[in-house]
Amino acid sequence: MLYAPVAYVYGLPDYQSLISLLATNTGEATEFLSQIPAKVYLKSILIPLLALISFISACYFEIKPWKNKTFILLSLVCFLLVLEPTFFVRKTINAGKVASEQLKELEKFSKQSNWGVSKTDSENKDYVLIIGESARKDYFHNYGYPVSNTPFLDSVNSIQVNGLKSGGTYTIGSLTNMLTDGTKKDWKPRYDYSLIDLAKSAGIKTYWISNQGLIGRWDTPISGIAYKSDKIYFLNSGKYDDANHSDFKLLRFLKHIVEEKSSVPRLIVLHTIGSHPDACRRVLDIKNTYIVKDHKYDYLSCYVRSIQKTDNLIQRVYSIMKNEEKKTGRSFSIIYFSDHGQIHTHTSEIKLNNNSTSKFHYDIPLIRMDSEAKEKMVLNSEKSGLRFTQGLAKWMGIKNPKLEDYDLFDGKSDPNDFGLKDKIAAIKNPPDPAIDITPFLKK
């Protein structure tokens, strides 16, 4: 009876539901329980109620099946075979063991900060960092793709950087390098020098809202960084592919955060699922505006739409922040970037995935939108993802003795690429630029 309302959302107990329970505070638990329909609670009350009615009825009508030993034995055998009465308990125990192991794994990445004390010249400003997923720069219209899939980014006053290179070719490899001040020589992250710890050391309140997985082979190191935030919200408590939540669901948490009164600067990280394979699963909640005539390009159409959805998400984030600025006068700055690109695979249908490495894997978008911006700027400067945390520190006005001064938006190319050109040259796959689907679109 007690578990039935939770079962409505999560199903049988597993490590995801237990991790959610262990990682949830009272406020989040109250919010979660309030979202369960009232009829589910009523159904759970019926469980003991119907049992009581059955017992009273049996007594009233003098139905006494327990006197028939053969009937009792056959009933018990049937229940054991069909219902597995111990299954629920076994599932709960096994889930507890897995949850405990996963949380211990998570703790490995939550090292103590070595930043010390930082300062910031920012006053009561909101910084929103939107992390894209698997979004190649050359599939954005504002970066030159022929299909008009970024109407907001095309028009908003912003600073667009054309030369940012990712910190790696897959999510962990890239983001752990980009969101910590790691070692540049061997491209390794340092979790005791994370972006979140840096912001907190400067008195900036930190929030992490994620549509990625909390626990799993491809999620845990990033979660280790996220877990250092003052407040965390994960739509998916398991692996990234355990559920298919829309990135638009992140906006509810963002709106709630910015509506809270604050006398300190805030860093709000939105980690999206973006264009992660399968891209067609990511766009189920938006209209198909790019219908292709040839089945071969169906997946590419989904990928192009996933960029369109990201553009719409950024527009909604901007709108939320702009509305709050009008109400409170609180200024804001938004940065969007993607973790890495993908490679084309050519079979009966052209797809984009991360099964191999493309020379375009490192080419990612970087766009900054400020509340006070009066014009659109495009900078053709080469910037390194290995210095991204340093650049974000500059963005938030943070100063620390252990930080090098580095501006992502000064329009100057880095004198050192830390061996990136050699890495790209070593990629054996031939260049695979974006494929234009315009000739294959239905009118």
Protein backbone atom coordinates (compact mmCIF):
# COMPACT_ATOMS: atom_id res chain seq x y z
CA MET A 1 0.00 0.00 0.00
CA LEU A 2 2.79 2.43 0.94
CA TYR A 3 4.82 1.74 -2.21
CA ALA A 4 1.88 1.72 -4.66
CA PRO A 5 1.91 5.52 -5.40
CA VAL A 6 5.65 5.38 -6.13
CA ALA A 7 5.15 2.25 -8.25
CA TYR A 8 2.79 4.29 -10.44
CA VAL A 9 5.79 6.42 -11.48
CA TYR A 10 8.78 4.08 -11.10
CA GLY A 11 7.33 0.57 -11.30
CA LEU A 12 8.90 -2.17 -9.17
CA PRO A 13 11.77 -1.13 -6.86
CA ASP A 14 15.10 -0.78 -8.64
CA TYR A 15 18.34 1.08 -8.05
CA GLN A 16 16.99 4.17 -9.84
CA SER A 17 14.09 4.65 -7.46
CA LEU A 18 16.27 3.96 -4.41
CA ILE A 19 18.96 6.41 -5.57
CA SER A 20 16.23 8.99 -6.12
CA LEU A 21 15.04 8.38 -2.57
CA LEU A 22 18.55 8.63 -1.10
CA ALA A 23 19.40 11.75 -3.12
CA THR A 24 16.14 13.60 -2.43
CA ASN A 25 15.56 16.24 0.23
CA THR A 26 12.25 16.96 1.97
CA GLY A 27 11.23 19.73 -0.44
CA GLU A 28 11.91 17.61 -3.53
CA ALA A 29 10.08 14.63 -1.97
CA THR A 30 7.04 16.80 -1.23
CA GLU A 31 7.06 18.12 -4.80
CA PHE A 32 7.36 14.59 -6.20
CA LEU A 33 4.51 13.22 -4.06
CA SER A 34 2.27 16.20 -4.92
CA GLN A 35 2.59 15.37 -8.64
CA ILE A 36 1.15 11.85 -8.22
CA PRO A 37 -2.56 11.87 -9.16
CA ALA A 38 -5.04 11.66 -6.26
CA LYS A 39 -6.67 8.58 -7.80
CA VAL A 40 -3.40 6.66 -7.33
CA TYR A 41 -3.46 7.32 -3.59
CA LEU A 42 -7.10 6.21 -3.49
CA LYS A 43 -6.22 2.98 -5.29
CA SER A 44 -3.45 2.24 -2.79
CA ILE A 45 -5.92 2.69 0.11
CA LEU A 46 -8.17 0.10 -1.58
CA ILE A 47 -5.48 -2.59 -1.07
CA PRO A 48 -6.03 -3.10 2.70
CA LEU A 49 -9.67 -1.99 2.42
CA LEU A 50 -10.58 -4.75 -0.06
CA ALA A 51 -8.70 -7.29 2.04
CA LEU A 52 -10.72 -6.24 5.07
CA ILE A 53 -13.99 -6.40 3.10
CA SER A 54 -13.08 -9.91 1.89
CA PHE A 55 -12.41 -11.07 5.44
CA ILE A 56 -15.62 -9.55 6.84
CA SER A 57 -17.63 -11.04 3.97
CA ALA A 58 -16.11 -14.48 4.56
CA CYS A 59 -17.06 -14.30 8.24
CA TYR A 60 -20.56 -12.98 7.55
CA PHE A 61 -21.41 -15.63 4.94
CA GLU A 62 -19.48 -18.29 6.88
CA ILE A 63 -17.15 -18.98 3.97
CA LYS A 64 -14.27 -20.89 5.56
CA PRO A 65 -11.81 -21.99 2.86
CA TRP A 66 -9.08 -22.50 5.46
CA LYS A 67 -10.86 -25.67 6.63
CA ASN A 68 -10.15 -27.31 3.27
CA LYS A 69 -6.46 -28.23 3.52
CA THR A 70 -6.24 -29.39 -0.11
CA PHE A 71 -7.62 -26.05 -1.31
CA ILE A 72 -5.16 -24.15 0.91
CA LEU A 73 -2.15 -26.12 -0.36
CA LEU A 74 -3.13 -25.75 -4.02
CA SER A 75 -3.72 -22.02 -3.49
CA LEU A 76 -0.30 -21.57 -1.88
CA VAL A 77 1.41 -23.44 -4.74
CA CYS A 78 -0.40 -21.27 -7.31
CA PHE A 79 0.54 -18.06 -5.48
CA LEU A 80 4.17 -19.12 -5.20
CA LEU A 81 4.39 -20.00 -8.91
CA VAL A 82 2.39 -17.11 -10.33
CA LEU A 83 2.79 -14.18 -7.93
CA GLU A 84 6.23 -14.80 -6.42
CA PRO A 85 5.39 -13.21 -3.06
CA THR A 86 9.09 -12.72 -2.24
CA PHE A 87 9.82 -10.99 -5.57
CA PHE A 88 9.11 -7.49 -4.25
CA VAL A 89 11.40 -8.03 -1.26
CA ARG A 90 14.18 -9.53 -3.40
CA LYS A 91 13.95 -6.65 -5.89
CA THR A 92 14.19 -4.13 -3.06
CA ILE A 93 17.22 -5.83 -1.47
CA ASN A 94 19.05 -6.17 -4.81
CA ALA A 95 18.24 -2.57 -5.69
CA GLY A 96 19.67 -1.48 -2.34
CA LYS A 97 22.94 -3.25 -3.03
CA VAL A 98 23.29 -1.72 -6.52
CA ALA A 99 22.33 1.75 -5.25
CA SER A 100 24.94 1.53 -2.50
CA GLU A 101 27.66 0.48 -4.98
CA GLN A 102 26.73 3.25 -7.42
CA LEU A 103 26.71 5.96 -4.76
CA LYS A 104 30.16 4.82 -3.56
CA GLU A 105 31.35 5.09 -7.17
CA LEU A 106 29.90 8.60 -7.33
CA GLU A 107 31.80 9.64 -4.21
CA LYS A 108 35.13 8.89 -5.94
CA PHE A 109 34.64 11.95 -8.13
CA SER A 110 33.45 14.26 -5.34
CA LYS A 111 36.91 15.24 -4.17
CA GLN A 112 37.49 18.13 -1.83
CA SER A 113 38.06 21.47 -3.55
CA ASN A 114 41.57 22.90 -3.75
CA TRP A 115 40.57 26.32 -5.11
CA GLY A 116 40.76 28.07 -1.73
CA VAL A 117 39.03 31.45 -1.58
CA SER A 118 38.05 33.31 -4.77
CA LYS A 119 36.58 36.74 -5.43
CA THR A 120 34.04 37.92 -7.97
CA ASP A 121 33.14 41.41 -9.17
CA SER A 122 29.65 40.16 -10.10
CA GLU A 123 26.73 41.50 -8.06
CA ASN A 124 23.34 39.78 -8.01
CA LYS A 125 23.67 38.49 -11.57
CA ASP A 126 22.42 35.19 -12.94
CA TYR A 127 24.69 33.04 -15.11
CA VAL A 128 23.00 30.25 -17.08
CA LEU A 129 25.22 27.60 -18.65
CA ILE A 130 23.38 25.37 -21.15
CA ILE A 131 25.28 22.19 -22.02
CA GLY A 132 24.28 20.74 -25.38
CA GLU A 133 24.70 17.07 -26.22
CA SER A 134 26.16 15.57 -29.43
CA ALA A 135 25.38 18.75 -31.40
CA ARG A 136 27.74 19.40 -34.30
CA LYS A 137 28.37 23.04 -35.08
CA ASP A 138 27.97 22.57 -38.82
CA TYR A 139 24.32 21.47 -38.41
CA PHE A 140 23.32 24.86 -36.93
CA HIS A 141 21.88 27.39 -39.38
CA ASN A 142 23.58 30.23 -37.49
CA TYR A 143 26.87 28.44 -38.24
CA GLY A 144 26.05 28.08 -41.93
CA TYR A 145 23.82 25.01 -42.30
CA PRO A 146 21.40 25.55 -45.23
CA VAL A 147 18.21 24.54 -43.34
CA SER A 148 16.81 27.35 -41.18
CA ASN A 149 16.68 25.43 -37.89
CA THR A 150 17.97 28.17 -35.51
CA PRO A 151 15.60 31.16 -35.93
CA PHE A 152 16.24 32.43 -32.39
CA LEU A 153 20.03 32.15 -32.48
CA ASP A 154 19.97 33.76 -35.92
CA SER A 155 18.29 36.88 -34.56
CA VAL A 156 19.22 37.33 -30.88
CA ASN A 157 21.94 39.81 -29.90
CA SER A 158 24.82 37.57 -28.97
CA ILE A 159 28.51 36.75 -29.27
CA GLN A 160 29.06 33.71 -31.47
CA VAL A 161 32.46 32.00 -31.42
CA ASN A 162 33.29 29.96 -34.52
CA GLY A 163 36.45 28.25 -33.29
CA LEU A 164 35.77 26.48 -29.99
CA LYS A 165 37.20 22.96 -29.82
CA SER A 166 35.76 20.41 -27.39
CA GLY A 167 37.75 18.80 -24.60
CA GLY A 168 37.18 15.32 -26.02
CA THR A 169 35.12 13.23 -28.43
CA TYR A 170 32.59 11.75 -25.99
CA THR A 171 30.63 13.21 -23.07
CA ILE A 172 32.86 12.19 -20.16
CA GLY A 173 36.09 12.82 -22.04
CA SER A 174 34.94 16.27 -23.07
CA LEU A 175 32.98 17.62 -20.10
CA THR A 176 35.35 16.43 -17.39
CA ASN A 177 38.08 18.39 -19.18
CA MET A 178 35.86 21.40 -19.88
CA LEU A 179 34.23 21.66 -16.44
CA THR A 180 37.42 21.19 -14.41
CA ASP A 181 40.72 23.01 -14.69
CA GLY A 182 42.58 19.89 -15.71
CA THR A 183 46.09 19.17 -16.91
CA LYS A 184 46.56 20.48 -20.45
CA LYS A 185 49.59 18.38 -21.34
CA ASP A 186 47.90 14.98 -21.01
CA TRP A 187 44.25 16.10 -21.37
CA LYS A 188 43.21 14.83 -17.91
CA PRO A 189 40.58 16.36 -15.60
CA ARG A 190 41.15 17.39 -11.98
CA TYR A 191 37.98 16.95 -9.95
CA ASP A 192 39.35 19.02 -7.06
CA TYR A 193 39.43 22.01 -9.45
CA SER A 194 35.86 21.87 -10.76
CA LEU A 195 33.81 24.75 -12.13
CA ILE A 196 31.16 24.28 -9.42
CA ASP A 197 33.72 24.44 -6.61
CA LEU A 198 35.26 27.52 -8.21
CA ALA A 199 31.92 29.34 -8.36
CA LYS A 200 31.11 28.40 -4.75
CA SER A 201 34.53 29.60 -3.60
CA ALA A 202 33.56 33.06 -4.92
CA GLY A 203 30.23 33.11 -3.08
CA ILE A 204 28.14 32.25 -6.15
CA LYS A 205 25.17 29.98 -5.42
CA THR A 206 25.17 26.96 -7.74
CA TYR A 207 22.38 24.89 -9.27
CA TRP A 208 22.54 21.87 -11.60
CA ILE A 209 19.45 20.79 -13.58
CA SER A 210 20.05 17.69 -15.69
CA ASN A 211 18.27 15.60 -18.28
CA GLN A 212 21.23 13.22 -18.36
CA GLY A 213 21.55 10.14 -16.18
CA LEU A 214 22.67 10.40 -12.58
CA ILE A 215 24.31 6.99 -12.38
CA GLY A 216 25.91 4.83 -15.04
CA ARG A 217 29.11 4.18 -16.92
CA TRP A 218 28.69 7.29 -19.06
CA ASP A 219 27.12 9.54 -16.41
CA THR A 220 28.79 9.15 -13.02
CA PRO A 221 31.92 11.36 -13.46
CA ILE A 222 29.77 14.30 -14.65
CA SER A 223 27.36 13.67 -11.77
CA GLY A 224 30.36 13.86 -9.44
CA ILE A 225 30.89 17.46 -10.61
CA ALA A 226 27.16 18.20 -10.50
CA TYR A 227 26.79 16.84 -6.98
CA LYS A 228 28.98 19.64 -5.63
CA SER A 229 26.25 22.15 -6.50
CA ASP A 230 24.18 23.75 -3.76
CA LYS A 231 21.05 22.28 -5.35
CA ILE A 232 20.72 19.49 -7.91
CA TYR A 233 17.76 18.30 -9.98
CA PHE A 234 18.00 15.16 -12.13
CA LEU A 235 15.08 14.20 -14.35
CA ASN A 236 16.59 10.76 -14.76
CA SER A 237 18.02 9.07 -11.67
CA GLY A 238 19.36 6.07 -13.59
CA LYS A 239 21.44 5.90 -16.78
CA TYR A 240 20.94 8.50 -19.52
CA ASP A 241 18.88 6.07 -21.65
CA ASP A 242 16.63 4.76 -18.86
CA ALA A 243 13.97 7.37 -19.68
CA ASN A 244 13.18 9.76 -22.51
CA HIS A 245 12.35 13.07 -20.87
CA SER A 246 12.06 16.19 -23.00
CA ASP A 247 14.60 18.95 -22.39
CA PHE A 248 11.64 21.30 -22.05
CA LYS A 249 11.00 19.75 -18.61
CA LEU A 250 14.17 21.48 -17.38
CA LEU A 251 12.45 24.84 -17.72
CA ARG A 252 10.09 24.21 -14.81
CA PHE A 253 13.05 23.97 -12.43
CA LEU A 254 14.78 26.98 -13.97
CA LYS A 255 11.65 29.11 -13.55
CA HIS A 256 11.34 28.03 -9.93
CA ILE A 257 14.98 28.93 -9.20
CA VAL A 258 14.98 32.39 -10.79
CA GLU A 259 11.74 33.33 -9.04
CA GLU A 260 13.41 32.80 -5.65
CA LYS A 261 14.75 35.99 -4.10
CA SER A 262 18.54 36.09 -4.00
CA SER A 263 21.10 38.65 -2.87
CA VAL A 264 24.07 36.78 -4.37
CA PRO A 265 25.14 35.83 -7.91
CA ARG A 266 23.83 32.48 -9.18
CA LEU A 267 25.24 29.90 -11.60
CA ILE A 268 22.54 27.67 -13.09
CA VAL A 269 23.70 24.72 -15.23
CA LEU A 270 21.20 23.08 -17.60
CA HIS A 271 22.56 19.76 -18.87
CA THR A 272 20.39 18.74 -21.82
CA ILE A 273 19.95 15.45 -23.68
CA GLY A 274 20.04 17.54 -26.86
CA SER A 275 20.81 15.57 -30.03
CA HIS A 276 21.96 12.41 -28.29
CA PRO A 277 21.30 9.23 -30.28
CA ASP A 278 18.59 8.26 -30.99
CA ALA A 279 17.82 11.82 -32.20
CA CYS A 280 14.36 10.76 -33.39
CA ARG A 281 13.41 10.01 -29.76
CA ARG A 282 14.41 13.56 -28.78
CA VAL A 283 11.96 15.30 -31.09
CA LEU A 284 8.73 13.42 -30.40
CA ASP A 285 7.21 16.51 -28.76
CA ILE A 286 7.79 18.99 -31.61
CA LYS A 287 6.24 19.26 -35.07
CA ASN A 288 8.05 17.58 -37.94
CA THR A 289 8.86 20.58 -40.13
CA TYR A 290 11.48 18.76 -42.22
CA ILE A 291 9.74 15.84 -43.95
CA VAL A 292 12.07 14.13 -46.41
CA LYS A 293 11.12 12.34 -49.63
CA ASP A 294 13.85 9.70 -49.28
CA HIS A 295 13.85 7.31 -46.31
CA LYS A 296 17.64 7.41 -46.41
CA TYR A 297 17.56 10.89 -44.84
CA ASP A 298 14.92 10.25 -42.15
CA TYR A 299 17.42 10.22 -39.31
CA LEU A 300 19.21 13.34 -40.56
CA SER A 301 15.84 15.08 -40.56
CA CYS A 302 15.45 14.13 -36.87
CA TYR A 303 18.94 15.42 -36.13
CA VAL A 304 18.26 18.74 -37.84
CA ARG A 305 15.02 19.01 -35.84
CA SER A 306 16.87 18.25 -32.61
CA ILE A 307 18.97 21.36 -33.28
CA GLN A 308 15.73 23.26 -33.91
CA LYS A 309 14.42 22.03 -30.55
CA THR A 310 17.62 23.16 -28.85
CA ASP A 311 17.19 26.59 -30.44
CA ASN A 312 13.65 26.71 -29.06
CA LEU A 313 14.87 25.65 -25.62
CA ILE A 314 17.46 28.45 -25.60
CA GLN A 315 14.74 30.91 -26.63
CA ARG A 316 12.55 29.80 -23.72
CA VAL A 317 15.45 30.09 -21.28
CA TYR A 318 16.17 33.58 -22.59
CA SER A 319 12.49 34.51 -22.23
CA ILE A 320 12.36 33.28 -18.61
CA MET A 321 15.46 35.28 -17.72
CA LYS A 322 14.24 38.37 -19.58
CA ASN A 323 10.89 38.30 -17.78
CA GLU A 324 12.64 38.02 -14.44
CA GLU A 325 14.91 40.94 -15.35
CA LYS A 326 11.84 43.08 -16.08
CA LYS A 327 10.34 42.20 -12.69
CA THR A 328 13.46 42.48 -10.50
CA GLY A 329 16.06 44.33 -12.54
CA ARG A 330 18.41 41.37 -12.11
CA SER A 331 20.75 41.08 -15.12
CA PHE A 332 21.74 37.76 -16.68
CA SER A 333 24.09 36.08 -19.09
CA ILE A 334 23.52 32.79 -20.94
CA ILE A 335 26.15 30.58 -22.55
CA TYR A 336 25.31 27.64 -24.79
CA PHE A 337 27.87 25.10 -25.97
CA SER A 338 27.86 21.42 -26.92
CA ASP A 339 30.06 18.69 -25.48
CA HIS A 340 31.17 17.09 -28.78
CA GLY A 341 30.07 16.21 -32.31
CA GLN A 342 29.26 12.90 -34.00
CA ILE A 343 30.19 10.95 -37.12
CA HIS A 344 28.03 9.92 -40.09
CA THR A 345 27.44 6.23 -40.72
CA HIS A 346 26.23 5.28 -44.19
CA THR A 347 23.98 2.23 -44.51
CA SER A 348 20.42 2.08 -45.86
CA GLU A 349 19.86 5.20 -43.75
CA ILE A 350 22.43 7.88 -42.96
CA LYS A 351 22.81 8.25 -39.22
CA LEU A 352 24.93 10.21 -36.77
CA ASN A 353 26.43 8.45 -33.77
CA ASN A 354 29.55 8.16 -31.64
CA ASN A 355 30.69 4.71 -32.73
CA SER A 356 33.80 6.17 -34.33
CA THR A 357 35.59 9.54 -34.49
CA SER A 358 35.19 12.25 -37.10
CA LYS A 359 37.55 15.12 -37.81
CA PHE A 360 34.48 17.28 -37.03
CA HIS A 361 34.03 15.79 -33.54
CA TYR A 362 35.86 18.68 -31.91
CA ASP A 363 33.92 21.45 -33.72
CA ILE A 364 31.28 22.65 -31.29
CA PRO A 365 29.10 25.77 -31.00
CA LEU A 366 29.69 28.51 -28.42
CA ILE A 367 27.18 31.35 -28.05
CA ARG A 368 26.84 33.95 -25.31
CA MET A 369 23.69 36.06 -24.77
CA ASP A 370 23.77 38.96 -22.30
CA SER A 371 20.76 40.87 -21.01
CA GLU A 372 22.43 44.16 -21.93
CA ALA A 373 23.67 43.09 -25.41
CA LYS A 374 22.86 45.60 -28.17
CA GLU A 375 24.29 43.83 -31.23
CA LYS A 376 25.25 40.47 -32.69
CA MET A 377 28.94 39.65 -32.98
CA VAL A 378 30.66 36.74 -34.74
CA LEU A 379 34.22 35.89 -33.67
CA ASN A 380 36.44 33.65 -35.79
CA SER A 381 38.88 32.84 -32.99
CA GLU A 382 40.22 29.41 -32.07
CA LYS A 383 39.53 28.55 -28.44
CA SER A 384 40.40 25.44 -26.45
CA GLY A 385 37.93 23.41 -24.42
CA LEU A 386 40.83 22.53 -22.12
CA ARG A 387 40.74 26.13 -20.87
CA PHE A 388 36.96 26.33 -20.73
CA THR A 389 36.74 26.53 -16.92
CA GLN A 390 39.23 29.41 -17.00
CA GLY A 391 37.06 31.13 -19.61
CA LEU A 392 33.88 30.58 -17.58
CA ALA A 393 35.64 32.09 -14.55
CA LYS A 394 36.30 35.23 -16.61
CA TRP A 395 32.62 35.21 -17.69
CA MET A 396 31.51 35.23 -14.04
CA GLY A 397 34.11 37.78 -12.99
CA ILE A 398 35.94 35.31 -10.74
CA LYS A 399 39.53 35.91 -9.66
CA ASN A 400 41.67 33.25 -8.01
CA PRO A 401 45.48 33.03 -7.57
CA LYS A 402 45.44 29.58 -9.19
CA LEU A 403 43.59 30.79 -12.30
CA GLU A 404 45.11 32.02 -15.53
CA ASP A 405 43.32 34.98 -17.08
CA TYR A 406 41.51 33.64 -20.15
CA ASP A 407 38.71 35.19 -22.19
CA LEU A 408 36.60 32.99 -24.46
CA PHE A 409 35.10 36.06 -26.11
CA ASP A 410 38.05 38.37 -26.82
CA GLY A 411 38.28 37.35 -30.49
CA LYS A 412 41.92 36.21 -30.14
CA SER A 413 43.04 32.72 -31.12
CA ASP A 414 44.96 30.62 -28.58
CA PRO A 415 48.71 30.43 -29.29
CA ASN A 416 48.76 26.80 -28.08
CA ASP A 417 46.27 24.05 -28.98
CA PHE A 418 47.84 21.48 -26.59
CA GLY A 419 48.33 18.92 -29.35
CA LEU A 420 44.79 19.11 -30.76
CA LYS A 421 45.87 19.48 -34.40
CA ASP A 422 47.97 16.35 -34.03
CA LYS A 423 45.00 14.47 -32.52
CA ILE A 424 42.76 15.49 -35.44
CA ALA A 425 45.45 14.60 -37.98
CA ALA A 426 45.70 11.13 -36.42
CA ILE A 427 41.99 10.44 -37.02
CA LYS A 428 41.89 7.93 -39.87
CA ASN A 429 38.28 8.51 -40.95
CA PRO A 430 38.01 10.95 -43.88
CA PRO A 431 36.35 14.34 -43.28
CA ASP A 432 32.54 14.09 -43.20
CA PRO A 433 31.02 17.58 -43.34
CA ALA A 434 27.32 18.19 -42.67
CA ILE A 435 24.93 16.75 -45.27
CA ASP A 436 22.41 19.21 -46.71
CA ILE A 437 18.91 17.72 -46.64
CA THR A 438 17.33 20.66 -48.50
CA PRO A 439 17.12 18.84 -51.88
CA PHE A 440 15.25 15.96 -50.22
CA LEU A 441 12.63 17.96 -48.34
CA LYS A 442 8.97 17.75 -49.31
CA LYS A 443 7.41 21.08 -50.20
